[in-house]
Amino acid sequence: MKVPEEYCVITADILKWIALVTMTLDHMAECVVRGFVIARGAYLSQQYFQIVNTAYNAMRHLGRMAFPLFAFLLVEGFFKTRNRRKYIVRMFLAAFISEVPFDLMLSGKAVAWETQNTMFTLVIGLLVLWVMAYLEESCHSARWIIVAFQAAVCGLGALTAYICKTDYSYKGIALIVVLYLFYHYRESAAVAGFCTFCWEPWSLPAFALIPFYNGVRRQRTKSFFYLYYPIHLLVLYFILQMIT
């Protein structure tokens, strides 16, 4: 069932801000709240500990909305960008710059190989989409051959994310590909996306927003969103150092 056009009032900017806020809450919980409890938990009363624990869980649950929205906006950007090569380069540079802040926030070390930041998952997803689109647009082989090559590319991208231990790993790549395949059918994209991501049930509100997206995008704050990710990671790390 298609959402009536008059109800499609959510712009890309709104989705970005929701994703940014929920991501920040999630990282605050993981870095600041968790770090505070580890450092000071022994001095907290049972009642205060329960309050902190409830806040932690609520922030983490809200944080499950962030990645699906970023994945959806990534696919939207892939279709709407004027230069896909530059788009991928910008995303890779943002991922590279963000890695040290990400490691500091999670482990307190400048270099940690246990997990790579979410931007790398998005970059790998972009590369997969780029190759899939190239096969679709430029190859003139039989349809089943193109689909077979596209499936192989998806598998290679998922394997790369898994080996590199990027945040959300192969599951993140799977979600990006599903949103790409259902791009022109937003209601189906929302349903298929949640089915792919159902291991995170608290992500449901994010997928519920997708059918109400109206396709309006503004470019005025594009640089801000690229810079916000590494900067907010560093800020959270320094906050943790101050309170512990």
Protein backbone atom coordinates (compact mmCIF):
# COMPACT_ATOMS: atom_id res chain seq x y z
CA MET A 1 0.00 0.00 0.00
CA LYS A 2 1.53 3.30 -1.12
CA VAL A 3 1.58 6.24 1.29
CA PRO A 4 -0.47 9.16 -0.16
CA GLU A 5 1.75 11.94 -1.47
CA GLU A 6 0.30 14.55 0.90
CA TYR A 7 1.63 12.51 3.85
CA CYS A 8 5.16 12.36 2.48
CA VAL A 9 6.51 15.30 4.46
CA ILE A 10 9.89 14.01 5.67
CA THR A 11 12.93 15.51 3.93
CA ALA A 12 16.47 14.18 3.77
CA ASP A 13 17.49 16.84 6.29
CA ILE A 14 14.98 15.55 8.82
CA LEU A 15 16.21 11.98 8.36
CA LYS A 16 19.82 13.13 8.74
CA TRP A 17 19.10 14.96 11.97
CA ILE A 18 17.20 12.00 13.40
CA ALA A 19 20.07 9.73 12.44
CA LEU A 20 22.63 12.13 13.93
CA VAL A 21 20.79 12.57 17.21
CA THR A 22 20.12 8.86 17.72
CA MET A 23 23.71 8.00 16.76
CA THR A 24 25.03 10.55 19.25
CA LEU A 25 22.83 9.18 22.03
CA ASP A 26 24.04 5.68 21.23
CA HIS A 27 27.69 6.74 21.34
CA MET A 28 27.13 8.73 24.54
CA ALA A 29 25.73 5.61 26.17
CA GLU A 30 28.52 3.37 24.90
CA CYS A 31 31.35 5.76 25.73
CA VAL A 32 30.36 8.18 28.50
CA VAL A 33 27.66 6.34 30.45
CA ARG A 34 29.32 2.93 30.23
CA GLY A 35 32.74 4.38 30.98
CA PHE A 36 31.36 6.28 33.97
CA VAL A 37 29.77 3.13 35.39
CA ILE A 38 32.98 1.14 34.92
CA ALA A 39 35.02 3.85 36.63
CA ARG A 40 32.57 4.94 39.34
CA GLY A 41 30.01 2.14 39.55
CA ALA A 42 31.30 0.89 42.87
CA TYR A 43 30.42 4.23 44.47
CA LEU A 44 26.83 4.37 43.16
CA SER A 45 23.82 3.48 45.26
CA GLN A 46 21.55 0.72 43.96
CA GLN A 47 18.81 3.22 43.14
CA TYR A 48 21.13 5.56 41.26
CA PHE A 49 22.68 2.62 39.44
CA GLN A 50 19.22 1.54 38.23
CA ILE A 51 18.52 5.05 36.92
CA VAL A 52 21.83 5.11 35.04
CA ASN A 53 21.22 1.61 33.67
CA THR A 54 17.73 2.57 32.45
CA ALA A 55 19.12 5.66 30.73
CA TYR A 56 21.87 3.57 29.15
CA ASN A 57 19.41 1.03 27.73
CA ALA A 58 17.06 3.74 26.43
CA MET A 59 19.89 5.54 24.65
CA ARG A 60 21.17 2.32 23.12
CA HIS A 61 17.69 1.36 21.91
CA LEU A 62 17.22 4.76 20.27
CA GLY A 63 20.64 4.36 18.70
CA ARG A 64 19.43 1.36 16.68
CA MET A 65 17.62 3.82 14.40
CA ALA A 66 20.79 5.50 13.19
CA PHE A 67 22.40 2.99 10.86
CA PRO A 68 19.25 2.13 8.84
CA LEU A 69 18.67 5.85 8.22
CA PHE A 70 22.29 6.41 7.22
CA ALA A 71 22.09 3.39 4.92
CA PHE A 72 18.93 4.72 3.30
CA LEU A 73 20.46 8.18 2.85
CA LEU A 74 23.59 6.57 1.41
CA VAL A 75 21.53 4.83 -1.28
CA GLU A 76 19.60 8.05 -1.90
CA GLY A 77 22.88 9.92 -2.29
CA PHE A 78 24.20 7.25 -4.65
CA PHE A 79 21.25 7.76 -6.99
CA LYS A 80 21.17 11.55 -6.69
CA THR A 81 24.86 12.51 -6.68
CA ARG A 82 26.33 14.11 -9.80
CA ASN A 83 29.66 12.32 -9.41
CA ARG A 84 29.70 8.88 -7.81
CA ARG A 85 33.49 8.69 -7.83
CA LYS A 86 33.81 11.90 -5.77
CA TYR A 87 31.05 10.69 -3.46
CA ILE A 88 32.98 7.52 -2.69
CA VAL A 89 36.24 9.45 -2.21
CA ARG A 90 34.57 11.85 0.24
CA MET A 91 33.11 8.96 2.21
CA PHE A 92 36.45 7.15 2.31
CA LEU A 93 38.29 10.25 3.54
CA ALA A 94 35.66 10.74 6.25
CA ALA A 95 36.03 7.09 7.27
CA PHE A 96 39.84 7.32 7.35
CA ILE A 97 39.83 10.53 9.40
CA SER A 98 37.26 9.08 11.81
CA GLU A 99 39.11 5.87 12.64
CA VAL A 100 41.41 7.24 15.36
CA PRO A 101 38.56 9.14 17.11
CA PHE A 102 36.42 5.98 16.85
CA ASP A 103 39.14 3.83 18.42
CA LEU A 104 39.73 6.38 21.17
CA MET A 105 36.02 6.50 21.99
CA LEU A 106 35.60 2.72 22.16
CA SER A 107 38.88 1.54 23.63
CA GLY A 108 40.84 4.58 24.76
CA LYS A 109 43.60 3.62 22.29
CA ALA A 110 44.53 5.56 19.16
CA VAL A 111 44.77 2.34 17.15
CA ALA A 112 42.55 -0.67 17.82
CA TRP A 113 41.89 -3.41 15.29
CA GLU A 114 38.90 -5.02 17.01
CA THR A 115 36.30 -2.91 15.15
CA GLN A 116 36.48 -0.34 12.36
CA ASN A 117 34.12 2.62 12.28
CA THR A 118 30.71 2.60 10.60
CA MET A 119 31.84 4.89 7.79
CA PHE A 120 33.97 2.06 6.40
CA THR A 121 30.85 -0.12 6.21
CA LEU A 122 29.15 2.64 4.23
CA VAL A 123 32.18 2.98 1.92
CA ILE A 124 32.23 -0.74 1.18
CA GLY A 125 28.48 -0.60 0.58
CA LEU A 126 28.98 2.29 -1.85
CA LEU A 127 31.61 0.37 -3.78
CA VAL A 128 29.27 -2.61 -4.04
CA LEU A 129 26.47 -0.38 -5.36
CA TRP A 130 28.86 1.26 -7.83
CA VAL A 131 29.86 -2.08 -9.34
CA MET A 132 26.27 -3.35 -9.34
CA ALA A 133 25.10 -0.23 -11.16
CA TYR A 134 27.96 -0.48 -13.65
CA LEU A 135 27.03 -4.08 -14.47
CA GLU A 136 23.40 -3.04 -14.84
CA GLU A 137 24.11 -0.05 -17.06
CA SER A 138 27.08 -1.15 -19.15
CA CYS A 139 26.97 -4.92 -19.57
CA HIS A 140 24.94 -6.41 -22.40
CA SER A 141 25.12 -10.05 -21.37
CA ALA A 142 22.15 -12.23 -20.53
CA ARG A 143 20.20 -11.05 -17.50
CA TRP A 144 21.06 -14.11 -15.42
CA ILE A 145 24.79 -13.53 -15.99
CA ILE A 146 24.52 -9.92 -14.79
CA VAL A 147 22.56 -11.01 -11.71
CA ALA A 148 25.13 -13.71 -10.97
CA PHE A 149 27.98 -11.19 -11.13
CA GLN A 150 26.01 -8.74 -8.96
CA ALA A 151 25.42 -11.47 -6.37
CA ALA A 152 29.15 -12.25 -6.39
CA VAL A 153 29.96 -8.57 -5.86
CA CYS A 154 27.53 -8.42 -2.92
CA GLY A 155 29.13 -11.50 -1.41
CA LEU A 156 32.62 -10.05 -1.86
CA GLY A 157 31.54 -6.78 -0.23
CA ALA A 158 29.97 -8.61 2.70
CA LEU A 159 33.10 -10.75 3.11
CA THR A 160 35.31 -7.65 3.02
CA ALA A 161 33.26 -5.97 5.76
CA TYR A 162 33.41 -9.15 7.84
CA ILE A 163 37.18 -9.60 7.45
CA CYS A 164 37.87 -5.91 8.13
CA LYS A 165 35.58 -6.07 11.20
CA THR A 166 33.69 -2.94 10.25
CA ASP A 167 30.81 -1.85 12.45
CA TYR A 168 27.64 -3.80 11.44
CA SER A 169 29.85 -5.99 9.28
CA TYR A 170 28.22 -8.03 6.49
CA LYS A 171 24.75 -7.31 7.91
CA GLY A 172 25.23 -3.64 7.15
CA ILE A 173 26.22 -4.43 3.56
CA ALA A 174 23.15 -6.65 3.18
CA LEU A 175 20.89 -3.81 4.34
CA ILE A 176 22.48 -1.31 1.92
CA VAL A 177 22.01 -3.72 -0.99
CA VAL A 178 18.38 -4.43 -0.09
CA LEU A 179 17.59 -0.70 0.13
CA TYR A 180 19.27 -0.26 -3.26
CA LEU A 181 17.25 -3.05 -4.88
CA PHE A 182 13.95 -1.62 -3.56
CA TYR A 183 14.93 2.03 -4.04
CA HIS A 184 11.99 2.90 -6.30
CA TYR A 185 9.45 1.23 -3.97
CA ARG A 186 9.83 2.89 -0.58
CA GLU A 187 7.13 0.90 1.22
CA SER A 188 8.73 -2.34 0.02
CA ALA A 189 12.17 -0.96 0.91
CA ALA A 190 11.00 -0.32 4.46
CA VAL A 191 9.55 -3.83 4.86
CA ALA A 192 12.45 -5.64 3.18
CA GLY A 193 14.96 -3.49 5.04
CA PHE A 194 13.48 -4.30 8.43
CA CYS A 195 13.32 -8.01 7.56
CA THR A 196 17.04 -7.81 6.75
CA PHE A 197 17.76 -5.88 9.94
CA CYS A 198 15.23 -7.57 12.24
CA TRP A 199 18.02 -8.77 14.53
CA GLU A 200 17.88 -5.15 15.75
CA PRO A 201 14.13 -4.85 16.57
CA TRP A 202 14.54 -1.34 17.99
CA SER A 203 15.39 -0.17 14.48
CA LEU A 204 11.73 -0.48 13.45
CA PRO A 205 10.90 3.26 13.88
CA ALA A 206 13.64 4.14 11.39
CA PHE A 207 12.14 1.91 8.71
CA ALA A 208 8.67 3.26 9.51
CA LEU A 209 9.87 6.73 8.48
CA ILE A 210 11.11 5.71 5.03
CA PRO A 211 7.69 5.57 3.26
CA PHE A 212 7.05 9.17 4.34
CA TYR A 213 10.22 10.50 2.70
CA ASN A 214 9.44 13.05 -0.01
CA GLY A 215 12.76 13.04 -1.88
CA VAL A 216 13.65 16.65 -1.01
CA ARG A 217 17.38 17.17 -0.37
CA ARG A 218 19.35 20.30 0.48
CA GLN A 219 23.13 20.61 0.14
CA ARG A 220 23.84 23.53 2.49
CA THR A 221 24.87 21.38 5.46
CA LYS A 222 26.66 18.58 3.57
CA SER A 223 30.13 19.37 4.94
CA PHE A 224 28.79 19.59 8.47
CA PHE A 225 27.54 16.01 8.37
CA TYR A 226 30.92 14.73 7.17
CA LEU A 227 32.76 16.61 9.91
CA TYR A 228 30.33 15.87 12.71
CA TYR A 229 31.12 12.16 12.88
CA PRO A 230 34.83 12.36 13.83
CA ILE A 231 34.39 15.53 15.90
CA HIS A 232 31.61 14.15 18.11
CA LEU A 233 33.66 10.98 18.71
CA LEU A 234 36.58 13.06 19.96
CA VAL A 235 34.31 15.22 22.13
CA LEU A 236 32.80 12.13 23.78
CA TYR A 237 36.27 10.70 24.41
CA PHE A 238 37.43 13.91 26.13
CA ILE A 239 34.22 14.06 28.19
CA LEU A 240 34.91 10.54 29.40
CA GLN A 241 38.46 11.50 30.36
CA MET A 242 37.20 14.46 32.37
CA ILE A 243 34.56 12.57 34.34
CA THR A 244 36.73 9.55 35.07
